[in-house]
Amino acid sequence: MTVVRMQGLGALTERGLLGAATDFGKACTGAFDDPLWNWPHTTRRRNGETVSSPRNLVDSGDLRDSLMPPEQAGNAVRLTWTSDHAGEVFLGAPGKPGRNLPEYVARSFNFPAAFLHHAGLL
């Protein structure tokens, strides 16, 4: 049996949230390589590779590598990709469909288990 005292609840919650966000960020980084994204055109990537559909989201790796460490403020955590084309890739742009990688990962990511693990409750 685990006993949680109310005075320790804030720290436990913050530790669980930060750990879950860190794990989620790692899962997102790994998912960039999943070849499941539909794209209506053939593209020549910067490395010379020609890709069609379905494909992964890695061209130069700039977007994948731009994920910053989670920012935590109390009971809120933010993940930020700093690449200048993060919004265009994830949300889309005129003539370009969005490929919302964070949403895709969130569908199968077990947030409660990650939270409980990092909070020390599992």
Protein backbone atom coordinates (compact mmCIF):
# COMPACT_ATOMS: atom_id res chain seq x y z
CA MET A 1 0.00 0.00 0.00
CA THR A 2 1.30 3.46 -0.92
CA VAL A 3 0.55 6.36 1.40
CA VAL A 4 0.71 9.85 -0.07
CA ARG A 5 0.62 12.73 2.38
CA MET A 6 -1.06 15.90 1.11
CA GLN A 7 1.98 18.10 1.78
CA GLY A 8 4.00 15.96 -0.68
CA LEU A 9 1.36 15.92 -3.39
CA GLY A 10 2.67 18.96 -5.29
CA ALA A 11 6.19 17.58 -5.68
CA LEU A 12 4.87 14.12 -6.55
CA THR A 13 2.58 15.60 -9.22
CA GLU A 14 5.32 17.77 -10.69
CA ARG A 15 7.75 14.81 -10.83
CA GLY A 16 5.12 12.62 -12.49
CA LEU A 17 4.19 15.27 -15.05
CA LEU A 18 7.76 16.10 -15.98
CA GLY A 19 8.67 12.43 -16.33
CA ALA A 20 5.61 11.67 -18.46
CA ALA A 21 6.31 14.68 -20.69
CA THR A 22 9.93 13.61 -21.12
CA ASP A 23 8.85 10.09 -22.09
CA PHE A 24 6.25 11.50 -24.49
CA GLY A 25 8.90 13.69 -26.12
CA LYS A 26 11.15 10.65 -26.59
CA ALA A 27 8.24 8.72 -28.14
CA CYS A 28 7.61 11.62 -30.54
CA THR A 29 11.28 11.74 -31.53
CA GLY A 30 11.19 8.01 -32.32
CA ALA A 31 7.98 8.34 -34.32
CA PHE A 32 9.55 10.69 -36.87
CA ASP A 33 11.04 7.57 -38.49
CA ASP A 34 7.68 5.75 -38.83
CA PRO A 35 6.91 5.41 -42.58
CA LEU A 36 3.17 6.02 -42.34
CA TRP A 37 2.61 9.57 -43.52
CA ASN A 38 0.71 10.02 -46.77
CA TRP A 39 1.92 12.69 -49.15
CA PRO A 40 0.46 13.29 -52.62
CA HIS A 41 3.83 13.91 -54.33
CA THR A 42 7.25 12.38 -54.83
CA THR A 43 9.92 14.48 -53.15
CA ARG A 44 13.69 14.65 -53.45
CA ARG A 45 15.08 15.21 -49.97
CA ARG A 46 18.17 17.23 -49.12
CA ASN A 47 20.23 14.06 -48.75
CA GLY A 48 19.33 13.06 -52.33
CA GLU A 49 16.81 10.37 -51.33
CA THR A 50 13.62 10.24 -53.41
CA VAL A 51 10.51 9.39 -51.37
CA SER A 52 6.84 8.93 -52.17
CA SER A 53 4.02 7.78 -49.92
CA PRO A 54 3.76 6.56 -47.23
CA ARG A 55 6.94 8.06 -45.85
CA ASN A 56 8.59 9.15 -42.62
CA LEU A 57 8.89 12.79 -41.55
CA VAL A 58 12.69 13.01 -41.61
CA ASP A 59 14.22 15.18 -44.31
CA SER A 60 17.23 16.92 -42.81
CA GLY A 61 16.41 15.95 -39.21
CA ASP A 62 16.13 19.62 -38.19
CA LEU A 63 12.53 19.30 -36.99
CA ARG A 64 13.08 16.02 -35.15
CA ASP A 65 16.20 17.40 -33.46
CA SER A 66 14.58 20.72 -32.48
CA LEU A 67 12.56 19.33 -29.56
CA MET A 68 13.53 21.25 -26.45
CA PRO A 69 13.55 19.76 -22.93
CA PRO A 70 10.10 20.00 -21.33
CA GLU A 71 9.29 23.30 -19.64
CA GLN A 72 7.41 22.88 -16.39
CA ALA A 73 5.44 25.48 -14.46
CA GLY A 74 3.68 23.86 -11.53
CA ASN A 75 1.16 21.38 -12.88
CA ALA A 76 1.68 22.28 -16.54
CA VAL A 77 4.37 21.05 -18.93
CA ARG A 78 5.08 22.32 -22.44
CA LEU A 79 6.96 20.58 -25.24
CA THR A 80 8.34 22.88 -27.95
CA TRP A 81 9.86 22.13 -31.34
CA THR A 82 11.92 25.18 -32.35
CA SER A 83 12.37 24.39 -36.04
CA ASP A 84 10.96 27.16 -38.22
CA HIS A 85 8.79 24.66 -40.10
CA ALA A 86 7.33 22.78 -37.09
CA GLY A 87 3.90 24.41 -37.41
CA GLU A 88 3.76 23.81 -41.16
CA VAL A 89 4.60 20.12 -40.80
CA PHE A 90 2.40 19.37 -37.78
CA LEU A 91 -0.60 21.57 -38.62
CA GLY A 92 -0.33 21.99 -42.40
CA ALA A 93 -0.19 24.98 -44.68
CA PRO A 94 -2.01 25.99 -47.89
CA GLY A 95 -1.62 23.04 -50.26
CA LYS A 96 0.22 20.98 -47.65
CA PRO A 97 -1.63 18.56 -45.38
CA GLY A 98 -0.66 18.54 -41.71
CA ARG A 99 1.13 15.54 -40.30
CA ASN A 100 0.38 15.98 -36.61
CA LEU A 101 3.04 13.76 -35.09
CA PRO A 102 2.32 14.72 -31.44
CA GLU A 103 -1.36 13.82 -31.90
CA TYR A 104 -0.42 10.54 -33.58
CA VAL A 105 1.88 9.58 -30.68
CA ALA A 106 -0.66 10.71 -28.06
CA ARG A 107 -3.23 8.21 -29.39
CA SER A 108 -1.18 5.28 -28.11
CA PHE A 109 1.02 6.83 -25.40
CA ASN A 110 0.07 5.65 -21.92
CA PHE A 111 0.16 8.94 -20.01
CA PRO A 112 -1.28 7.55 -16.75
CA ALA A 113 1.31 4.76 -16.57
CA ALA A 114 4.18 7.16 -17.34
CA PHE A 115 2.90 9.63 -14.73
CA LEU A 116 2.52 6.99 -12.03
CA HIS A 117 5.94 5.50 -12.81
CA HIS A 118 7.76 8.83 -12.55
CA ALA A 119 5.77 9.88 -9.49
CA GLY A 120 7.02 6.69 -7.81
CA LEU A 121 3.56 5.17 -7.48
CA LEU A 122 4.18 2.13 -9.69
